[in-house]
Amino acid sequence: MEGNTWYNIFFELLQNRYPKSAQLTHEVMNLLCIEREATYRRIRKEVPFTANEVAKIASSWNISLDNIIGINSGKVPFQMLPFDYLSPSPKEFSNLQKKVRLLDHLQTTPNSEYMEVCSRFPRPLHIGFPALYRFLIFYWAYQYHNDESQKLFSKIIISDNIKEEFDRYKKNLIHVKDTSFILDEMAFEAYVDSIKYFHSILVITDEERELLKKELYELLDYMMEIATTGHYPETNNRTNIYISQIAIETNYSYFYTDKLKICRINAFGKYDISSQDTVMVENFRNWMNLKKRTSIQISEVNEKKRIEYFSKQREIIDCL
């Protein structure tokens, strides 16, 4: 095996994804439907993975075969795993768990970056406010879900096990050492306009509107605390907020650590299309940081702009 450079790269990618040997063994065993001892022999490199097994692992775990064998085909692999937050299948929920646990190492990683350019509020901020995050799912369900019973905000119920994954996701992200958000200048206004519309067609009640309004104020206060200090209050990790001076079409982001490099684009208001292609992630990282040139930083610096921004958003919420 020593001369098989590509095979060593393949193993390195597997171990980056699941650093703990027991977890890697469990995931490989389940994916390939082979016995535990057969899995051990493969992981110890006593028995090689077959070509079909390598291809199945690469496809399921979004590993670029180009990167493994060291060629450039000119193609960038992206993956979209649809997820129904209202009634996920066992496979969908398993995929969600894997995506969240892929980020567990952020809690102990000294050098980590996360950046999100946002047409809507980013999930790391949203998740701490249950009514607002429920509204995000309702917004998607109203437009795309086939079940007519989900057309009322009151009918949107997020199960406890999904809430646990949300909480774990939030906990992982606030441990990133360096986070940047670039927000669309109209994000709050668009959110308020959406609530007004759904209230006007009677799928959101007066009481629900007031609850959403209350949490919007709370979100605004939370963001102002972050912008004033330049840190997450829970972890004291550096967090920068920028306001884009030009419109943003959708949310896109990247994670960048020694173990994980991944970029994501939001599609259809809820799904993520992601890639772990090294070149593409590096491009994303460069492109997104260039976006700062058309944005105003309101965290820590530029107190006047920060006060103006948050005062304006409060007035927008007042009109709800």
C-alpha atoms as a PDB file:
ATOM      1  CA  MET A   1       0.000   0.000   0.000  1.00  0.00           C
ATOM      2  CA  GLU A   2       2.964   2.350   0.524  1.00  0.00           C
ATOM      3  CA  GLY A   3       3.287   3.134  -3.180  1.00  0.00           C
ATOM      4  CA  ASN A   4      -0.418   3.834  -3.686  1.00  0.00           C
ATOM      5  CA  THR A   5      -0.405   7.599  -3.233  1.00  0.00           C
ATOM      6  CA  TRP A   6      -4.027   7.970  -4.319  1.00  0.00           C
ATOM      7  CA  TYR A   7      -5.111   5.303  -1.814  1.00  0.00           C
ATOM      8  CA  ASN A   8      -3.333   7.130   1.008  1.00  0.00           C
ATOM      9  CA  ILE A   9      -5.042  10.380  -0.032  1.00  0.00           C
ATOM     10  CA  PHE A  10      -8.381   8.555  -0.015  1.00  0.00           C
ATOM     11  CA  PHE A  11      -7.752   7.329   3.547  1.00  0.00           C
ATOM     12  CA  GLU A  12      -6.694  10.798   4.662  1.00  0.00           C
ATOM     13  CA  LEU A  13      -9.997  12.197   3.358  1.00  0.00           C
ATOM     14  CA  LEU A  14     -11.936   9.484   5.203  1.00  0.00           C
ATOM     15  CA  GLN A  15     -10.114  10.217   8.451  1.00  0.00           C
ATOM     16  CA  ASN A  16     -10.650  13.953   8.046  1.00  0.00           C
ATOM     17  CA  ARG A  17     -14.356  13.301   7.739  1.00  0.00           C
ATOM     18  CA  TYR A  18     -14.521  10.915  10.710  1.00  0.00           C
ATOM     19  CA  PRO A  19     -11.427  11.480  12.908  1.00  0.00           C
ATOM     20  CA  LYS A  20     -12.580   8.918  15.486  1.00  0.00           C
ATOM     21  CA  SER A  21     -11.820   5.373  14.326  1.00  0.00           C
ATOM     22  CA  ALA A  22     -14.970   3.907  15.894  1.00  0.00           C
ATOM     23  CA  GLN A  23     -17.197   6.377  14.048  1.00  0.00           C
ATOM     24  CA  LEU A  24     -15.398   5.768  10.739  1.00  0.00           C
ATOM     25  CA  THR A  25     -15.818   2.018  11.201  1.00  0.00           C
ATOM     26  CA  HIS A  26     -19.523   2.394  11.963  1.00  0.00           C
ATOM     27  CA  GLU A  27     -20.185   4.652   8.964  1.00  0.00           C
ATOM     28  CA  VAL A  28     -18.240   2.491   6.483  1.00  0.00           C
ATOM     29  CA  MET A  29     -19.902  -0.678   7.767  1.00  0.00           C
ATOM     30  CA  ASN A  30     -23.389   0.816   7.354  1.00  0.00           C
ATOM     31  CA  LEU A  31     -22.692   2.371   3.972  1.00  0.00           C
ATOM     32  CA  LEU A  32     -21.139  -0.708   2.378  1.00  0.00           C
ATOM     33  CA  CYS A  33     -23.317  -3.238   4.254  1.00  0.00           C
ATOM     34  CA  ILE A  34     -20.321  -5.372   5.249  1.00  0.00           C
ATOM     35  CA  GLU A  35     -19.422  -7.102   8.515  1.00  0.00           C
ATOM     36  CA  ARG A  36     -17.525  -5.275  11.243  1.00  0.00           C
ATOM     37  CA  GLU A  37     -14.423  -7.467  10.914  1.00  0.00           C
ATOM     38  CA  ALA A  38     -14.347  -6.911   7.134  1.00  0.00           C
ATOM     39  CA  THR A  39     -14.566  -3.171   7.805  1.00  0.00           C
ATOM     40  CA  TYR A  40     -11.684  -3.345  10.323  1.00  0.00           C
ATOM     41  CA  ARG A  41      -9.488  -5.104   7.759  1.00  0.00           C
ATOM     42  CA  ARG A  42     -10.134  -2.364   5.201  1.00  0.00           C
ATOM     43  CA  ILE A  43      -9.475   0.462   7.665  1.00  0.00           C
ATOM     44  CA  ARG A  44      -6.229  -1.245   8.816  1.00  0.00           C
ATOM     45  CA  LYS A  45      -5.318  -1.485   5.082  1.00  0.00           C
ATOM     46  CA  GLU A  46      -4.979  -5.256   5.329  1.00  0.00           C
ATOM     47  CA  VAL A  47      -7.596  -5.599   2.582  1.00  0.00           C
ATOM     48  CA  PRO A  48      -8.096  -2.852  -0.041  1.00  0.00           C
ATOM     49  CA  PHE A  49     -11.450  -1.288  -0.769  1.00  0.00           C
ATOM     50  CA  THR A  50     -12.725  -2.443  -4.143  1.00  0.00           C
ATOM     51  CA  ALA A  51     -13.159   0.087  -6.940  1.00  0.00           C
ATOM     52  CA  ASN A  52     -16.938  -0.106  -6.492  1.00  0.00           C
ATOM     53  CA  GLU A  53     -16.586   0.538  -2.743  1.00  0.00           C
ATOM     54  CA  VAL A  54     -14.311   3.547  -3.317  1.00  0.00           C
ATOM     55  CA  ALA A  55     -16.788   4.930  -5.854  1.00  0.00           C
ATOM     56  CA  LYS A  56     -19.742   4.398  -3.490  1.00  0.00           C
ATOM     57  CA  ILE A  57     -17.968   6.086  -0.574  1.00  0.00           C
ATOM     58  CA  ALA A  58     -16.857   8.988  -2.775  1.00  0.00           C
ATOM     59  CA  SER A  59     -20.373   9.469  -4.148  1.00  0.00           C
ATOM     60  CA  SER A  60     -22.146   9.196  -0.787  1.00  0.00           C
ATOM     61  CA  TRP A  61     -19.702  11.414   1.108  1.00  0.00           C
ATOM     62  CA  ASN A  62     -19.142  13.954  -1.660  1.00  0.00           C
ATOM     63  CA  ILE A  63     -15.427  13.146  -2.045  1.00  0.00           C
ATOM     64  CA  SER A  64     -13.897  14.265  -5.331  1.00  0.00           C
ATOM     65  CA  LEU A  65     -12.330  11.386  -7.251  1.00  0.00           C
ATOM     66  CA  ASP A  66     -10.372  14.003  -9.208  1.00  0.00           C
ATOM     67  CA  ASN A  67      -8.659  15.108  -5.991  1.00  0.00           C
ATOM     68  CA  ILE A  68      -7.929  11.510  -4.989  1.00  0.00           C
ATOM     69  CA  ILE A  69      -6.193  10.493  -8.213  1.00  0.00           C
ATOM     70  CA  GLY A  70      -4.651  13.881  -8.867  1.00  0.00           C
ATOM     71  CA  ILE A  71      -6.229  14.886 -12.152  1.00  0.00           C
ATOM     72  CA  ASN A  72      -8.159  17.927 -13.237  1.00  0.00           C
ATOM     73  CA  SER A  73     -11.192  16.963 -15.293  1.00  0.00           C
ATOM     74  CA  GLY A  74     -12.519  20.519 -15.314  1.00  0.00           C
ATOM     75  CA  LYS A  75     -15.611  19.348 -13.427  1.00  0.00           C
ATOM     76  CA  VAL A  76     -16.508  20.446  -9.901  1.00  0.00           C
ATOM     77  CA  PRO A  77     -18.605  17.990  -7.859  1.00  0.00           C
ATOM     78  CA  PHE A  78     -21.545  19.520  -6.006  1.00  0.00           C
ATOM     79  CA  GLN A  79     -24.082  17.646  -3.931  1.00  0.00           C
ATOM     80  CA  MET A  80     -27.635  18.475  -2.900  1.00  0.00           C
ATOM     81  CA  LEU A  81     -29.387  16.371  -0.285  1.00  0.00           C
ATOM     82  CA  PRO A  82     -33.092  17.367  -0.152  1.00  0.00           C
ATOM     83  CA  PHE A  83     -34.552  17.483   3.330  1.00  0.00           C
ATOM     84  CA  ASP A  84     -38.163  17.731   4.454  1.00  0.00           C
ATOM     85  CA  TYR A  85     -38.072  19.486   7.840  1.00  0.00           C
ATOM     86  CA  LEU A  86     -41.743  18.723   8.438  1.00  0.00           C
ATOM     87  CA  SER A  87     -41.684  14.968   7.868  1.00  0.00           C
ATOM     88  CA  PRO A  88     -38.163  13.762   7.065  1.00  0.00           C
ATOM     89  CA  SER A  89     -37.551  10.186   6.022  1.00  0.00           C
ATOM     90  CA  PRO A  90     -35.114   8.135   8.151  1.00  0.00           C
ATOM     91  CA  LYS A  91     -32.471   8.589   5.439  1.00  0.00           C
ATOM     92  CA  GLU A  92     -32.994  12.361   5.338  1.00  0.00           C
ATOM     93  CA  PHE A  93     -32.695  12.620   9.102  1.00  0.00           C
ATOM     94  CA  SER A  94     -29.563  10.467   9.067  1.00  0.00           C
ATOM     95  CA  ASN A  95     -28.052  12.796   6.447  1.00  0.00           C
ATOM     96  CA  LEU A  96     -28.885  15.811   8.634  1.00  0.00           C
ATOM     97  CA  GLN A  97     -27.175  14.201  11.623  1.00  0.00           C
ATOM     98  CA  LYS A  98     -24.078  13.473   9.557  1.00  0.00           C
ATOM     99  CA  LYS A  99     -23.917  17.064   8.304  1.00  0.00           C
ATOM    100  CA  VAL A 100     -24.191  18.430  11.842  1.00  0.00           C
ATOM    101  CA  ARG A 101     -21.670  15.987  13.309  1.00  0.00           C
ATOM    102  CA  LEU A 102     -19.257  16.846  10.530  1.00  0.00           C
ATOM    103  CA  LEU A 103     -19.003  20.214  12.298  1.00  0.00           C
ATOM    104  CA  ASP A 104     -18.510  18.860  15.830  1.00  0.00           C
ATOM    105  CA  HIS A 105     -14.756  19.377  15.604  1.00  0.00           C
ATOM    106  CA  LEU A 106     -15.333  23.145  15.381  1.00  0.00           C
ATOM    107  CA  GLN A 107     -15.730  23.181  19.167  1.00  0.00           C
ATOM    108  CA  THR A 108     -12.075  22.195  19.635  1.00  0.00           C
ATOM    109  CA  THR A 109     -10.426  23.525  16.456  1.00  0.00           C
ATOM    110  CA  PRO A 110      -8.061  26.454  17.103  1.00  0.00           C
ATOM    111  CA  ASN A 111      -8.014  27.813  13.530  1.00  0.00           C
ATOM    112  CA  SER A 112     -11.460  27.878  11.953  1.00  0.00           C
ATOM    113  CA  GLU A 113     -13.314  30.237   9.652  1.00  0.00           C
ATOM    114  CA  TYR A 114     -16.950  30.588   8.693  1.00  0.00           C
ATOM    115  CA  MET A 115     -18.347  33.205   6.361  1.00  0.00           C
ATOM    116  CA  GLU A 116     -21.870  33.665   5.037  1.00  0.00           C
ATOM    117  CA  VAL A 117     -23.169  36.176   2.519  1.00  0.00           C
ATOM    118  CA  CYS A 118     -26.882  36.517   3.181  1.00  0.00           C
ATOM    119  CA  SER A 119     -29.970  37.661   1.351  1.00  0.00           C
ATOM    120  CA  ARG A 120     -31.893  36.380   4.413  1.00  0.00           C
ATOM    121  CA  PHE A 121     -30.813  36.066   8.024  1.00  0.00           C
ATOM    122  CA  PRO A 122     -28.094  33.439   8.486  1.00  0.00           C
ATOM    123  CA  ARG A 123     -28.955  30.239  10.334  1.00  0.00           C
ATOM    124  CA  PRO A 124     -26.412  30.716  13.147  1.00  0.00           C
ATOM    125  CA  LEU A 125     -28.352  33.841  14.184  1.00  0.00           C
ATOM    126  CA  HIS A 126     -31.825  32.530  13.318  1.00  0.00           C
ATOM    127  CA  ILE A 127     -31.715  29.238  15.183  1.00  0.00           C
ATOM    128  CA  GLY A 128     -31.727  30.824  18.621  1.00  0.00           C
ATOM    129  CA  PHE A 129     -35.216  32.232  17.979  1.00  0.00           C
ATOM    130  CA  PRO A 130     -37.708  29.371  17.576  1.00  0.00           C
ATOM    131  CA  ALA A 131     -40.649  31.336  16.127  1.00  0.00           C
ATOM    132  CA  LEU A 132     -38.429  33.023  13.529  1.00  0.00           C
ATOM    133  CA  TYR A 133     -36.853  29.743  12.475  1.00  0.00           C
ATOM    134  CA  ARG A 134     -40.293  28.127  12.335  1.00  0.00           C
ATOM    135  CA  PHE A 135     -41.367  30.998  10.085  1.00  0.00           C
ATOM    136  CA  LEU A 136     -38.438  30.274   7.755  1.00  0.00           C
ATOM    137  CA  ILE A 137     -39.635  26.671   7.389  1.00  0.00           C
ATOM    138  CA  PHE A 138     -43.256  27.828   7.024  1.00  0.00           C
ATOM    139  CA  TYR A 139     -42.178  30.254   4.284  1.00  0.00           C
ATOM    140  CA  TRP A 140     -40.651  27.368   2.339  1.00  0.00           C
ATOM    141  CA  ALA A 141     -43.532  24.965   3.039  1.00  0.00           C
ATOM    142  CA  TYR A 142     -46.146  27.470   1.894  1.00  0.00           C
ATOM    143  CA  GLN A 143     -44.443  27.781  -1.500  1.00  0.00           C
ATOM    144  CA  TYR A 144     -43.119  24.288  -2.124  1.00  0.00           C
ATOM    145  CA  HIS A 145     -44.769  21.706   0.145  1.00  0.00           C
ATOM    146  CA  ASN A 146     -47.525  19.540  -1.321  1.00  0.00           C
ATOM    147  CA  ASP A 147     -49.406  19.066   1.953  1.00  0.00           C
ATOM    148  CA  GLU A 148     -52.151  21.696   2.115  1.00  0.00           C
ATOM    149  CA  SER A 149     -52.376  21.272   5.895  1.00  0.00           C
ATOM    150  CA  GLN A 150     -48.974  22.989   6.149  1.00  0.00           C
ATOM    151  CA  LYS A 151     -50.299  26.258   4.726  1.00  0.00           C
ATOM    152  CA  LEU A 152     -50.981  27.681   8.189  1.00  0.00           C
ATOM    153  CA  PHE A 153     -48.173  28.914  10.433  1.00  0.00           C
ATOM    154  CA  SER A 154     -49.867  27.260  13.422  1.00  0.00           C
ATOM    155  CA  LYS A 155     -49.570  23.853  11.715  1.00  0.00           C
ATOM    156  CA  ILE A 156     -45.783  24.016  11.395  1.00  0.00           C
ATOM    157  CA  ILE A 157     -44.371  21.714  14.060  1.00  0.00           C
ATOM    158  CA  ILE A 158     -40.651  21.002  14.322  1.00  0.00           C
ATOM    159  CA  SER A 159     -39.977  17.681  16.033  1.00  0.00           C
ATOM    160  CA  ASP A 160     -37.821  17.476  19.152  1.00  0.00           C
ATOM    161  CA  ASN A 161     -35.111  15.422  17.438  1.00  0.00           C
ATOM    162  CA  ILE A 162     -34.751  18.033  14.683  1.00  0.00           C
ATOM    163  CA  LYS A 163     -34.641  20.802  17.304  1.00  0.00           C
ATOM    164  CA  GLU A 164     -31.797  18.927  18.987  1.00  0.00           C
ATOM    165  CA  GLU A 165     -29.886  18.932  15.706  1.00  0.00           C
ATOM    166  CA  PHE A 166     -30.545  22.684  15.302  1.00  0.00           C
ATOM    167  CA  ASP A 167     -29.187  23.286  18.811  1.00  0.00           C
ATOM    168  CA  ARG A 168     -26.095  21.208  18.118  1.00  0.00           C
ATOM    169  CA  TYR A 169     -25.529  23.044  14.815  1.00  0.00           C
ATOM    170  CA  LYS A 170     -25.773  26.406  16.580  1.00  0.00           C
ATOM    171  CA  LYS A 171     -23.418  25.246  19.336  1.00  0.00           C
ATOM    172  CA  ASN A 172     -20.860  24.140  16.754  1.00  0.00           C
ATOM    173  CA  LEU A 173     -20.980  27.391  14.802  1.00  0.00           C
ATOM    174  CA  ILE A 174     -20.574  29.771  17.715  1.00  0.00           C
ATOM    175  CA  HIS A 175     -17.291  27.984  18.451  1.00  0.00           C
ATOM    176  CA  VAL A 176     -15.799  29.022  15.096  1.00  0.00           C
ATOM    177  CA  LYS A 177     -12.843  31.258  15.890  1.00  0.00           C
ATOM    178  CA  ASP A 178     -13.456  33.788  13.098  1.00  0.00           C
ATOM    179  CA  THR A 179     -16.958  34.368  11.660  1.00  0.00           C
ATOM    180  CA  SER A 180     -18.132  36.979   9.163  1.00  0.00           C
ATOM    181  CA  PHE A 181     -21.669  37.762   8.038  1.00  0.00           C
ATOM    182  CA  ILE A 182     -22.431  40.039   5.109  1.00  0.00           C
ATOM    183  CA  LEU A 183     -26.124  40.954   5.240  1.00  0.00           C
ATOM    184  CA  ASP A 184     -28.327  42.351   2.513  1.00  0.00           C
ATOM    185  CA  GLU A 185     -29.312  45.873   3.515  1.00  0.00           C
ATOM    186  CA  MET A 186     -32.985  44.982   2.945  1.00  0.00           C
ATOM    187  CA  ALA A 187     -32.987  41.736   4.983  1.00  0.00           C
ATOM    188  CA  PHE A 188     -35.141  43.013   7.855  1.00  0.00           C
ATOM    189  CA  GLU A 189     -37.500  44.846   5.511  1.00  0.00           C
ATOM    190  CA  ALA A 190     -38.006  41.746   3.364  1.00  0.00           C
ATOM    191  CA  TYR A 191     -38.675  39.655   6.477  1.00  0.00           C
ATOM    192  CA  VAL A 192     -41.244  42.121   7.811  1.00  0.00           C
ATOM    193  CA  ASP A 193     -42.936  42.386   4.394  1.00  0.00           C
ATOM    194  CA  SER A 194     -43.268  38.589   4.264  1.00  0.00           C
ATOM    195  CA  ILE A 195     -44.887  38.459   7.698  1.00  0.00           C
ATOM    196  CA  LYS A 196     -47.270  41.273   6.691  1.00  0.00           C
ATOM    197  CA  TYR A 197     -48.278  39.396   3.546  1.00  0.00           C
ATOM    198  CA  PHE A 198     -48.991  36.096   5.283  1.00  0.00           C
ATOM    199  CA  HIS A 199     -50.880  37.928   8.019  1.00  0.00           C
ATOM    200  CA  SER A 200     -52.982  39.714   5.387  1.00  0.00           C
ATOM    201  CA  ILE A 201     -54.115  36.401   3.850  1.00  0.00           C
ATOM    202  CA  LEU A 202     -54.959  35.046   7.320  1.00  0.00           C
ATOM    203  CA  VAL A 203     -52.431  32.221   7.518  1.00  0.00           C
ATOM    204  CA  ILE A 204     -50.700  34.022  10.409  1.00  0.00           C
ATOM    205  CA  THR A 205     -52.863  35.184  13.324  1.00  0.00           C
ATOM    206  CA  ASP A 206     -52.556  38.461  15.225  1.00  0.00           C
ATOM    207  CA  GLU A 207     -50.995  36.615  18.172  1.00  0.00           C
ATOM    208  CA  GLU A 208     -48.463  34.852  15.931  1.00  0.00           C
ATOM    209  CA  ARG A 209     -47.549  38.136  14.263  1.00  0.00           C
ATOM    210  CA  GLU A 210     -46.871  39.670  17.684  1.00  0.00           C
ATOM    211  CA  LEU A 211     -44.716  36.693  18.661  1.00  0.00           C
ATOM    212  CA  LEU A 212     -42.663  37.057  15.471  1.00  0.00           C
ATOM    213  CA  LYS A 213     -42.371  40.797  16.073  1.00  0.00           C
ATOM    214  CA  LYS A 214     -41.126  40.173  19.616  1.00  0.00           C
ATOM    215  CA  GLU A 215     -38.462  37.751  18.405  1.00  0.00           C
ATOM    216  CA  LEU A 216     -37.390  40.154  15.641  1.00  0.00           C
ATOM    217  CA  TYR A 217     -36.668  42.744  18.339  1.00  0.00           C
ATOM    218  CA  GLU A 218     -34.739  40.096  20.286  1.00  0.00           C
ATOM    219  CA  LEU A 219     -32.767  39.124  17.181  1.00  0.00           C
ATOM    220  CA  LEU A 220     -31.977  42.769  16.556  1.00  0.00           C
ATOM    221  CA  ASP A 221     -30.726  43.187  20.147  1.00  0.00           C
ATOM    222  CA  TYR A 222     -28.601  40.031  19.804  1.00  0.00           C
ATOM    223  CA  MET A 223     -27.074  41.266  16.556  1.00  0.00           C
ATOM    224  CA  MET A 224     -26.402  44.671  18.084  1.00  0.00           C
ATOM    225  CA  GLU A 225     -24.543  43.050  20.981  1.00  0.00           C
ATOM    226  CA  ILE A 226     -22.418  41.107  18.499  1.00  0.00           C
ATOM    227  CA  ALA A 227     -21.802  44.205  16.367  1.00  0.00           C
ATOM    228  CA  THR A 228     -20.843  46.316  19.384  1.00  0.00           C
ATOM    229  CA  THR A 229     -18.336  43.843  20.823  1.00  0.00           C
ATOM    230  CA  GLY A 230     -17.267  42.032  17.637  1.00  0.00           C
ATOM    231  CA  HIS A 231     -17.774  38.672  19.381  1.00  0.00           C
ATOM    232  CA  TYR A 232     -20.394  36.016  20.041  1.00  0.00           C
ATOM    233  CA  PRO A 233     -21.608  36.658  23.609  1.00  0.00           C
ATOM    234  CA  GLU A 234     -21.774  32.906  24.329  1.00  0.00           C
ATOM    235  CA  THR A 235     -18.163  32.058  23.404  1.00  0.00           C
ATOM    236  CA  ASN A 236     -16.372  35.382  22.906  1.00  0.00           C
ATOM    237  CA  ASN A 237     -15.237  34.173  19.474  1.00  0.00           C
ATOM    238  CA  ARG A 238     -14.632  36.882  16.904  1.00  0.00           C
ATOM    239  CA  THR A 239     -17.711  37.739  14.800  1.00  0.00           C
ATOM    240  CA  ASN A 240     -17.884  40.492  12.192  1.00  0.00           C
ATOM    241  CA  ILE A 241     -21.075  41.898  10.682  1.00  0.00           C
ATOM    242  CA  TYR A 242     -21.069  43.756   7.367  1.00  0.00           C
ATOM    243  CA  ILE A 243     -23.942  45.379   5.463  1.00  0.00           C
ATOM    244  CA  SER A 244     -23.813  44.957   1.692  1.00  0.00           C
ATOM    245  CA  GLN A 245     -24.387  48.077  -0.384  1.00  0.00           C
ATOM    246  CA  ILE A 246     -25.621  46.043  -3.354  1.00  0.00           C
ATOM    247  CA  ALA A 247     -28.375  43.418  -3.473  1.00  0.00           C
ATOM    248  CA  ILE A 248     -27.569  39.798  -2.573  1.00  0.00           C
ATOM    249  CA  GLU A 249     -29.395  37.089  -4.521  1.00  0.00           C
ATOM    250  CA  THR A 250     -29.172  34.141  -2.096  1.00  0.00           C
ATOM    251  CA  ASN A 251     -27.223  32.819   0.893  1.00  0.00           C
ATOM    252  CA  TYR A 252     -23.831  31.236   0.307  1.00  0.00           C
ATOM    253  CA  SER A 253     -21.111  30.275   2.771  1.00  0.00           C
ATOM    254  CA  TYR A 254     -17.918  28.390   3.468  1.00  0.00           C
ATOM    255  CA  PHE A 255     -16.286  26.513   6.347  1.00  0.00           C
ATOM    256  CA  TYR A 256     -12.503  26.459   6.436  1.00  0.00           C
ATOM    257  CA  THR A 257     -10.520  24.368   8.934  1.00  0.00           C
ATOM    258  CA  ASP A 258      -7.571  21.998   8.825  1.00  0.00           C
ATOM    259  CA  LYS A 259      -9.986  19.049   8.717  1.00  0.00           C
ATOM    260  CA  LEU A 260     -12.876  20.446   6.705  1.00  0.00           C
ATOM    261  CA  LYS A 261     -13.142  22.738   3.710  1.00  0.00           C
ATOM    262  CA  ILE A 262     -16.652  23.063   2.304  1.00  0.00           C
ATOM    263  CA  CYS A 263     -18.668  25.689   0.432  1.00  0.00           C
ATOM    264  CA  ARG A 264     -22.449  25.911   0.198  1.00  0.00           C
ATOM    265  CA  ILE A 265     -25.072  27.668  -1.887  1.00  0.00           C
ATOM    266  CA  ASN A 266     -28.677  27.890  -0.716  1.00  0.00           C
ATOM    267  CA  ALA A 267     -31.275  26.765  -3.257  1.00  0.00           C
ATOM    268  CA  PHE A 268     -35.095  26.988  -3.271  1.00  0.00           C
ATOM    269  CA  GLY A 269     -35.031  28.887   0.017  1.00  0.00           C
ATOM    270  CA  LYS A 270     -34.084  25.827   2.102  1.00  0.00           C
ATOM    271  CA  TYR A 271     -31.770  23.280   0.469  1.00  0.00           C
ATOM    272  CA  ASP A 272     -27.985  23.487   0.433  1.00  0.00           C
ATOM    273  CA  ILE A 273     -25.861  22.606  -2.568  1.00  0.00           C
ATOM    274  CA  SER A 274     -22.377  21.880  -1.258  1.00  0.00           C
ATOM    275  CA  SER A 275     -18.908  20.986  -2.477  1.00  0.00           C
ATOM    276  CA  GLN A 276     -15.687  19.925  -0.792  1.00  0.00           C
ATOM    277  CA  ASP A 277     -13.631  20.385  -3.944  1.00  0.00           C
ATOM    278  CA  THR A 278     -10.458  22.100  -2.710  1.00  0.00           C
ATOM    279  CA  VAL A 279     -10.092  24.495  -5.634  1.00  0.00           C
ATOM    280  CA  MET A 280     -13.752  25.516  -5.530  1.00  0.00           C
ATOM    281  CA  VAL A 281     -13.633  26.151  -1.769  1.00  0.00           C
ATOM    282  CA  GLU A 282     -10.527  28.308  -2.202  1.00  0.00           C
ATOM    283  CA  ASN A 283     -12.314  30.246  -4.961  1.00  0.00           C
ATOM    284  CA  PHE A 284     -15.370  30.723  -2.750  1.00  0.00           C
ATOM    285  CA  ARG A 285     -13.177  31.939   0.069  1.00  0.00           C
ATOM    286  CA  ASN A 286     -11.520  34.513  -2.175  1.00  0.00           C
ATOM    287  CA  TRP A 287     -14.736  35.645  -3.901  1.00  0.00           C
ATOM    288  CA  MET A 288     -16.647  36.029  -0.662  1.00  0.00           C
ATOM    289  CA  ASN A 289     -13.939  38.029   1.041  1.00  0.00           C
ATOM    290  CA  LEU A 290     -13.820  40.349  -1.978  1.00  0.00           C
ATOM    291  CA  LYS A 291     -17.513  41.017  -1.271  1.00  0.00           C
ATOM    292  CA  LYS A 292     -16.357  43.051   1.730  1.00  0.00           C
ATOM    293  CA  ARG A 293     -15.239  45.771  -0.712  1.00  0.00           C
ATOM    294  CA  THR A 294     -18.885  46.606  -1.451  1.00  0.00           C
ATOM    295  CA  SER A 295     -19.975  46.313   2.181  1.00  0.00           C
ATOM    296  CA  ILE A 296     -19.772  48.437   5.327  1.00  0.00           C
ATOM    297  CA  GLN A 297     -18.453  46.842   8.500  1.00  0.00           C
ATOM    298  CA  ILE A 298     -20.635  47.756  11.476  1.00  0.00           C
ATOM    299  CA  SER A 299     -19.071  45.467  14.093  1.00  0.00           C
ATOM    300  CA  GLU A 300     -16.722  47.248  16.515  1.00  0.00           C
ATOM    301  CA  VAL A 301     -15.761  50.025  14.075  1.00  0.00           C
ATOM    302  CA  ASN A 302     -17.953  52.714  12.479  1.00  0.00           C
ATOM    303  CA  GLU A 303     -20.190  53.393  15.475  1.00  0.00           C
ATOM    304  CA  LYS A 304     -22.205  56.023  13.602  1.00  0.00           C
ATOM    305  CA  LYS A 305     -23.145  53.603  10.803  1.00  0.00           C
ATOM    306  CA  ARG A 306     -23.911  50.891  13.357  1.00  0.00           C
ATOM    307  CA  ILE A 307     -26.318  53.089  15.309  1.00  0.00           C
ATOM    308  CA  GLU A 308     -27.978  54.292  12.102  1.00  0.00           C
ATOM    309  CA  TYR A 309     -28.422  50.744  10.821  1.00  0.00           C
ATOM    310  CA  PHE A 310     -29.978  49.319  13.989  1.00  0.00           C
ATOM    311  CA  SER A 311     -32.205  52.363  14.507  1.00  0.00           C
ATOM    312  CA  LYS A 312     -33.554  51.969  10.973  1.00  0.00           C
ATOM    313  CA  GLN A 313     -34.220  48.236  11.464  1.00  0.00           C
ATOM    314  CA  ARG A 314     -36.069  48.942  14.708  1.00  0.00           C
ATOM    315  CA  GLU A 315     -38.325  51.409  12.862  1.00  0.00           C
ATOM    316  CA  ILE A 316     -39.027  48.759  10.221  1.00  0.00           C
ATOM    317  CA  ILE A 317     -40.038  46.238  12.895  1.00  0.00           C
ATOM    318  CA  ASP A 318     -42.177  48.888  14.617  1.00  0.00           C
ATOM    319  CA  CYS A 319     -44.366  48.967  11.484  1.00  0.00           C
ATOM    320  CA  LEU A 320     -45.218  45.265  11.751  1.00  0.00           C
END
